[in-house]
Amino acid sequence: MTPSPAVVWLAVGAVIAPAPAPPATPPIPPPSEARTLMTGCLAPPTTQSVTALANAIGAIPYSDARAAHELARQDTVVTPDPTAPGEAARTVTTLTSFHGWDLPGGGAGSLEYTEDFARQDRIDQASGQAISAVKVLRSQTCHIEAPVASGRQIFELFETLEAKPYGVLVSPDRRSITVFVFEEGRSETDLVITLDAPLAGVSPAAPGDGSARLVMDDGGPRFQNDVIPGVPVVRLSRAQLLAGIDHPAMMSLSNSRFEPVVQRLTSGAGAYPRAFSGAAPSA
């Protein structure tokens, strides 16, 4: 399972876990199924909405053992802040609910719904000590992972389904792009398109560089051309980007909604309640 997308955002955009490399001969979902999946996953995610989506496409529930294995994981992400040398953002994510399904067709991908609590703070990198208060967010996430016939088709479909402004990051190895939509403290949507070869027309990243912000002068009115000091930049035309991703790829789509958690004093050690299911929840 891809790590929870409730991660810390810096000026550069998002911290994204890389999607797996595309298989050699993946079973490709038809365009109509891709639209159904993406439309359903981009709706506000709830247990009921994602379960209904899984039922609509005939997805196969994970076994209880597989779901329980996913639920047991806790992720910690520490990300250096390029705008504040010596400081980093830290997020500790604990899953509290998990439901998962395999898409129809052997090896065709997966659909998952998660709920988690993310504890976020800033730390001094040298000492590892916190230098800010802890913020806790509860998130609900729909996540799809599937091979696709054309990364361009998925990118253009995403543009028709998502009306908000978006930016694009290019990975250091130049094999994936991340299309992101972010509303601080409210929501985060990430579409990762991973190719089997580096994106054409893009120079290799300098040693030590992280993801680069894509700048497209002809990106359109919703494309965000933000340039942040200290953050690498890749410049392409829209035509160059579309041609570069018009190949078989692996798609990873995550859509999350956040809710701040009001913390209260307690006399005992707190614990997040957990629930899992590989099948549809009972009414």
Protein backbone atom coordinates (compact mmCIF):
# COMPACT_ATOMS: atom_id res chain seq x y z
CA MET A 1 0.00 0.00 0.00
CA THR A 2 1.19 3.57 -0.75
CA PRO A 3 1.89 5.56 2.48
CA SER A 4 -0.82 7.88 3.68
CA PRO A 5 -0.94 11.21 1.77
CA ALA A 6 -1.57 13.15 4.98
CA VAL A 7 2.02 14.40 4.94
CA VAL A 8 3.70 17.71 5.58
CA TRP A 9 3.53 20.38 2.89
CA LEU A 10 6.37 22.82 2.43
CA ALA A 11 6.71 25.68 0.01
CA VAL A 12 7.81 23.24 -2.68
CA GLY A 13 4.44 21.48 -2.64
CA ALA A 14 3.99 17.97 -1.28
CA VAL A 15 6.01 15.10 0.07
CA ILE A 16 5.05 12.23 -2.15
CA ALA A 17 6.06 8.61 -1.89
CA PRO A 18 7.16 7.32 -5.31
CA ALA A 19 4.74 5.08 -7.19
CA PRO A 20 6.03 1.63 -8.21
CA ALA A 21 7.54 1.18 -11.66
CA PRO A 22 5.11 0.09 -14.39
CA PRO A 23 4.99 -3.66 -15.04
CA ALA A 24 6.17 -4.88 -18.44
CA THR A 25 2.76 -5.96 -19.76
CA PRO A 26 0.10 -4.69 -17.35
CA PRO A 27 -3.62 -5.30 -17.81
CA ILE A 28 -4.90 -1.84 -18.69
CA PRO A 29 -8.28 -0.68 -17.34
CA PRO A 30 -10.48 0.62 -20.19
CA PRO A 31 -10.94 4.43 -20.46
CA SER A 32 -14.53 4.24 -19.18
CA GLU A 33 -13.38 2.41 -16.05
CA ALA A 34 -10.57 4.93 -15.49
CA ARG A 35 -13.11 7.77 -15.59
CA THR A 36 -15.43 5.93 -13.19
CA LEU A 37 -12.57 5.23 -10.77
CA MET A 38 -11.15 8.75 -10.83
CA THR A 39 -14.56 10.44 -10.59
CA GLY A 40 -15.50 8.31 -7.61
CA CYS A 41 -12.19 8.74 -5.83
CA LEU A 42 -12.16 12.53 -6.29
CA ALA A 43 -15.48 12.81 -4.44
CA PRO A 44 -15.21 13.56 -0.69
CA PRO A 45 -13.89 10.22 0.65
CA THR A 46 -15.90 8.24 3.20
CA THR A 47 -16.14 4.54 3.98
CA GLN A 48 -19.55 4.47 2.29
CA SER A 49 -18.52 6.35 -0.88
CA VAL A 50 -15.40 4.26 -1.56
CA THR A 51 -17.23 1.01 -0.77
CA ALA A 52 -19.95 2.01 -3.25
CA LEU A 53 -17.27 2.72 -5.86
CA ALA A 54 -15.68 -0.69 -5.26
CA ASN A 55 -19.06 -2.40 -5.63
CA ALA A 56 -19.84 -0.47 -8.82
CA ILE A 57 -16.71 -1.71 -10.61
CA GLY A 58 -16.76 -5.25 -9.19
CA ALA A 59 -13.57 -4.88 -7.15
CA ILE A 60 -12.47 -7.83 -4.99
CA PRO A 61 -12.09 -7.20 -1.22
CA TYR A 62 -8.72 -7.80 0.43
CA SER A 63 -8.53 -10.69 2.86
CA ASP A 64 -8.85 -9.77 6.55
CA ALA A 65 -5.22 -10.82 7.10
CA ARG A 66 -3.98 -8.49 4.35
CA ALA A 67 -6.07 -5.59 5.64
CA ALA A 68 -4.90 -6.17 9.22
CA HIS A 69 -1.28 -6.15 8.03
CA GLU A 70 -1.78 -2.74 6.39
CA LEU A 71 -3.51 -1.34 9.45
CA ALA A 72 -0.62 -2.25 11.76
CA ARG A 73 1.80 0.10 9.98
CA GLN A 74 2.91 3.46 11.39
CA ASP A 75 4.81 5.83 9.09
CA THR A 76 7.29 8.55 10.07
CA VAL A 77 8.39 11.06 7.43
CA VAL A 78 11.12 13.65 8.08
CA THR A 79 11.55 16.19 5.28
CA PRO A 80 14.28 18.87 5.21
CA ASP A 81 12.90 22.34 4.55
CA PRO A 82 14.79 23.90 1.59
CA THR A 83 13.67 27.38 2.72
CA ALA A 84 15.00 26.95 6.30
CA PRO A 85 18.42 25.21 6.41
CA GLY A 86 18.85 22.98 9.43
CA GLU A 87 15.13 22.53 9.97
CA ALA A 88 12.81 19.75 8.89
CA ALA A 89 9.14 18.85 9.00
CA ARG A 90 8.19 15.62 10.78
CA THR A 91 4.94 13.69 10.38
CA VAL A 92 4.03 10.51 12.28
CA THR A 93 0.97 8.83 10.75
CA THR A 94 -1.11 6.15 12.48
CA LEU A 95 -3.82 4.32 10.55
CA THR A 96 -7.11 3.88 12.38
CA SER A 97 -9.30 2.39 9.64
CA PHE A 98 -8.52 0.51 6.44
CA HIS A 99 -10.55 -1.03 3.59
CA GLY A 100 -8.98 -2.40 0.42
CA TRP A 101 -9.93 -4.03 -2.86
CA ASP A 102 -8.14 -5.44 -5.90
CA LEU A 103 -9.41 -4.02 -9.18
CA PRO A 104 -11.01 -6.51 -11.62
CA GLY A 105 -8.45 -8.46 -13.66
CA GLY A 106 -5.33 -10.09 -12.27
CA GLY A 107 -2.71 -7.47 -11.37
CA ALA A 108 -4.93 -4.62 -12.55
CA GLY A 109 -4.36 -2.42 -9.52
CA SER A 110 -6.00 -1.55 -6.23
CA LEU A 111 -8.54 0.72 -4.54
CA GLU A 112 -8.13 1.62 -0.87
CA TYR A 113 -9.80 3.75 1.79
CA THR A 114 -7.96 4.85 4.93
CA GLU A 115 -8.53 6.97 7.98
CA ASP A 116 -5.57 8.12 10.03
CA PHE A 117 -4.21 10.55 12.56
CA ALA A 118 -1.10 12.52 11.59
CA ARG A 119 1.03 14.25 14.23
CA GLN A 120 2.98 17.07 12.61
CA ASP A 121 5.74 19.28 13.97
CA ARG A 122 9.04 20.89 13.01
CA ILE A 123 12.40 19.69 14.29
CA ASP A 124 16.02 20.78 14.47
CA GLN A 125 17.82 18.34 12.15
CA ALA A 126 21.03 18.20 14.16
CA SER A 127 19.41 17.32 17.48
CA GLY A 128 16.11 15.86 16.34
CA GLN A 129 14.32 17.98 18.94
CA ALA A 130 11.00 19.65 18.25
CA ILE A 131 11.04 23.40 17.61
CA SER A 132 7.29 23.85 17.18
CA ALA A 133 4.05 22.77 18.73
CA VAL A 134 2.49 19.49 17.59
CA LYS A 135 -0.50 19.69 15.26
CA VAL A 136 -2.76 16.66 14.87
CA LEU A 137 -4.92 16.09 11.80
CA ARG A 138 -7.46 13.39 11.09
CA SER A 139 -7.63 12.45 7.42
CA GLN A 140 -9.89 10.36 5.21
CA THR A 141 -8.32 9.17 1.96
CA CYS A 142 -9.30 7.38 -1.24
CA HIS A 143 -6.35 5.87 -3.08
CA ILE A 144 -6.15 4.20 -6.51
CA GLU A 145 -3.13 2.51 -8.05
CA ALA A 146 -3.34 1.06 -11.56
CA PRO A 147 -1.43 0.67 -14.82
CA VAL A 148 -2.65 2.91 -17.65
CA ALA A 149 -2.19 2.87 -21.42
CA SER A 150 -1.21 6.55 -21.57
CA GLY A 151 -0.08 8.92 -18.84
CA ARG A 152 -1.23 11.79 -21.05
CA GLN A 153 -4.81 10.50 -21.15
CA ILE A 154 -4.90 10.29 -17.36
CA PHE A 155 -3.37 13.76 -16.96
CA GLU A 156 -5.92 15.30 -19.33
CA LEU A 157 -8.77 13.37 -17.68
CA PHE A 158 -7.67 14.69 -14.30
CA GLU A 159 -7.78 18.23 -15.68
CA THR A 160 -11.41 17.75 -16.75
CA LEU A 161 -12.43 16.27 -13.38
CA GLU A 162 -10.56 18.62 -11.01
CA ALA A 163 -11.55 22.30 -11.28
CA LYS A 164 -9.08 23.74 -8.74
CA PRO A 165 -5.66 25.24 -9.55
CA TYR A 166 -2.84 22.69 -9.62
CA GLY A 167 0.92 22.47 -9.73
CA VAL A 168 3.33 19.79 -10.96
CA LEU A 169 6.48 18.32 -9.44
CA VAL A 170 9.09 16.30 -11.37
CA SER A 171 10.90 13.57 -9.43
CA PRO A 172 14.71 13.62 -9.10
CA ASP A 173 15.02 10.53 -11.33
CA ARG A 174 12.75 12.26 -13.93
CA ARG A 175 10.59 9.11 -14.20
CA SER A 176 7.48 10.50 -12.54
CA ILE A 177 5.42 13.66 -12.25
CA THR A 178 3.11 14.58 -9.39
CA VAL A 179 0.09 16.74 -10.13
CA PHE A 180 -1.04 18.25 -6.84
CA VAL A 181 -3.97 20.27 -5.54
CA PHE A 182 -3.65 21.50 -1.98
CA GLU A 183 -5.81 23.51 0.40
CA GLU A 184 -3.91 23.92 3.65
CA GLY A 185 -5.58 22.16 6.54
CA ARG A 186 -8.53 21.06 4.39
CA SER A 187 -7.62 18.79 1.49
CA GLU A 188 -4.86 17.34 -0.67
CA THR A 189 -5.10 15.58 -4.03
CA ASP A 190 -2.09 13.99 -5.73
CA LEU A 191 -1.91 12.28 -9.10
CA VAL A 192 1.44 10.52 -9.65
CA ILE A 193 2.25 9.30 -13.17
CA THR A 194 5.30 7.00 -13.25
CA LEU A 195 6.96 6.12 -16.56
CA ASP A 196 9.38 3.30 -17.39
CA ALA A 197 11.99 5.81 -18.66
CA PRO A 198 13.00 9.38 -17.74
CA LEU A 199 10.81 12.19 -19.04
CA ALA A 200 12.15 13.33 -22.43
CA GLY A 201 13.66 16.80 -22.68
CA VAL A 202 14.46 17.15 -18.96
CA SER A 203 18.03 17.41 -17.70
CA PRO A 204 19.11 15.06 -14.90
CA ALA A 205 18.77 16.40 -11.37
CA ALA A 206 21.84 17.80 -9.65
CA PRO A 207 23.25 15.56 -6.88
CA GLY A 208 21.24 16.05 -3.70
CA ASP A 209 18.34 17.82 -5.37
CA GLY A 210 14.81 16.82 -4.48
CA SER A 211 11.73 17.07 -6.66
CA ALA A 212 11.68 20.04 -9.04
CA ARG A 213 8.81 22.42 -9.62
CA LEU A 214 7.57 22.35 -13.22
CA VAL A 215 7.20 25.73 -14.90
CA MET A 216 5.08 25.91 -18.07
CA ASP A 217 4.58 29.36 -19.55
CA ASP A 218 1.65 28.00 -21.58
CA GLY A 219 0.25 25.84 -18.81
CA GLY A 220 -3.12 27.59 -18.79
CA PRO A 221 -5.05 29.69 -16.27
CA ARG A 222 -5.26 26.96 -13.59
CA PHE A 223 -1.63 25.89 -13.78
CA GLN A 224 0.49 27.27 -10.92
CA ASN A 225 3.93 28.49 -12.04
CA ASP A 226 5.22 29.21 -8.53
CA VAL A 227 9.00 29.44 -8.20
CA ILE A 228 10.35 29.12 -4.64
CA PRO A 229 13.92 30.14 -3.70
CA GLY A 230 16.04 27.05 -3.13
CA VAL A 231 13.67 24.73 -4.98
CA PRO A 232 14.88 23.29 -8.34
CA VAL A 233 12.91 24.21 -11.46
CA VAL A 234 12.18 22.29 -14.66
CA ARG A 235 10.88 24.24 -17.66
CA LEU A 236 8.80 22.61 -20.38
CA SER A 237 6.07 23.64 -22.79
CA ARG A 238 2.69 21.97 -22.39
CA ALA A 239 3.25 20.14 -25.69
CA GLN A 240 6.59 18.78 -24.41
CA LEU A 241 5.01 17.57 -21.18
CA LEU A 242 2.09 15.85 -22.92
CA ALA A 243 4.39 14.16 -25.45
CA GLY A 244 6.71 13.04 -22.67
CA ILE A 245 3.97 11.30 -20.67
CA ASP A 246 2.08 9.85 -23.65
CA HIS A 247 3.34 6.34 -22.85
CA PRO A 248 2.21 3.36 -20.73
CA ALA A 249 2.57 4.29 -17.07
CA MET A 250 1.56 3.52 -13.52
CA MET A 251 -1.06 5.86 -12.08
CA SER A 252 -1.36 6.59 -8.36
CA LEU A 253 -4.24 8.87 -7.30
CA SER A 254 -4.78 9.94 -3.68
CA ASN A 255 -7.56 12.24 -2.49
CA SER A 256 -7.60 13.28 1.18
CA ARG A 257 -9.78 15.46 3.40
CA PHE A 258 -8.35 16.79 6.67
CA GLU A 259 -9.93 17.72 9.98
CA PRO A 260 -7.96 19.30 12.85
CA VAL A 261 -8.06 17.30 16.08
CA VAL A 262 -8.71 19.21 19.30
CA GLN A 263 -6.40 17.70 21.89
CA ARG A 264 -7.56 17.39 25.48
CA LEU A 265 -5.66 16.50 28.62
CA THR A 266 -6.12 12.93 29.78
CA SER A 267 -5.13 11.00 32.87
CA GLY A 268 -3.97 7.97 30.92
CA ALA A 269 -2.09 7.09 27.74
CA GLY A 270 -4.29 7.77 24.75
CA ALA A 271 -4.78 5.39 21.86
CA TYR A 272 -6.41 5.78 18.51
CA PRO A 273 -9.26 3.30 17.93
CA ARG A 274 -8.58 1.02 14.96
CA ALA A 275 -10.82 -0.81 12.55
CA PHE A 276 -10.11 -2.71 9.37
CA SER A 277 -11.90 -4.62 6.70
CA GLY A 278 -11.05 -6.26 3.45
CA ALA A 279 -14.74 -6.39 2.64
CA ALA A 280 -17.58 -3.91 2.61
CA PRO A 281 -18.47 -2.70 6.12
CA SER A 282 -21.69 -3.95 7.61
CA ALA A 283 -24.60 -1.55 7.81
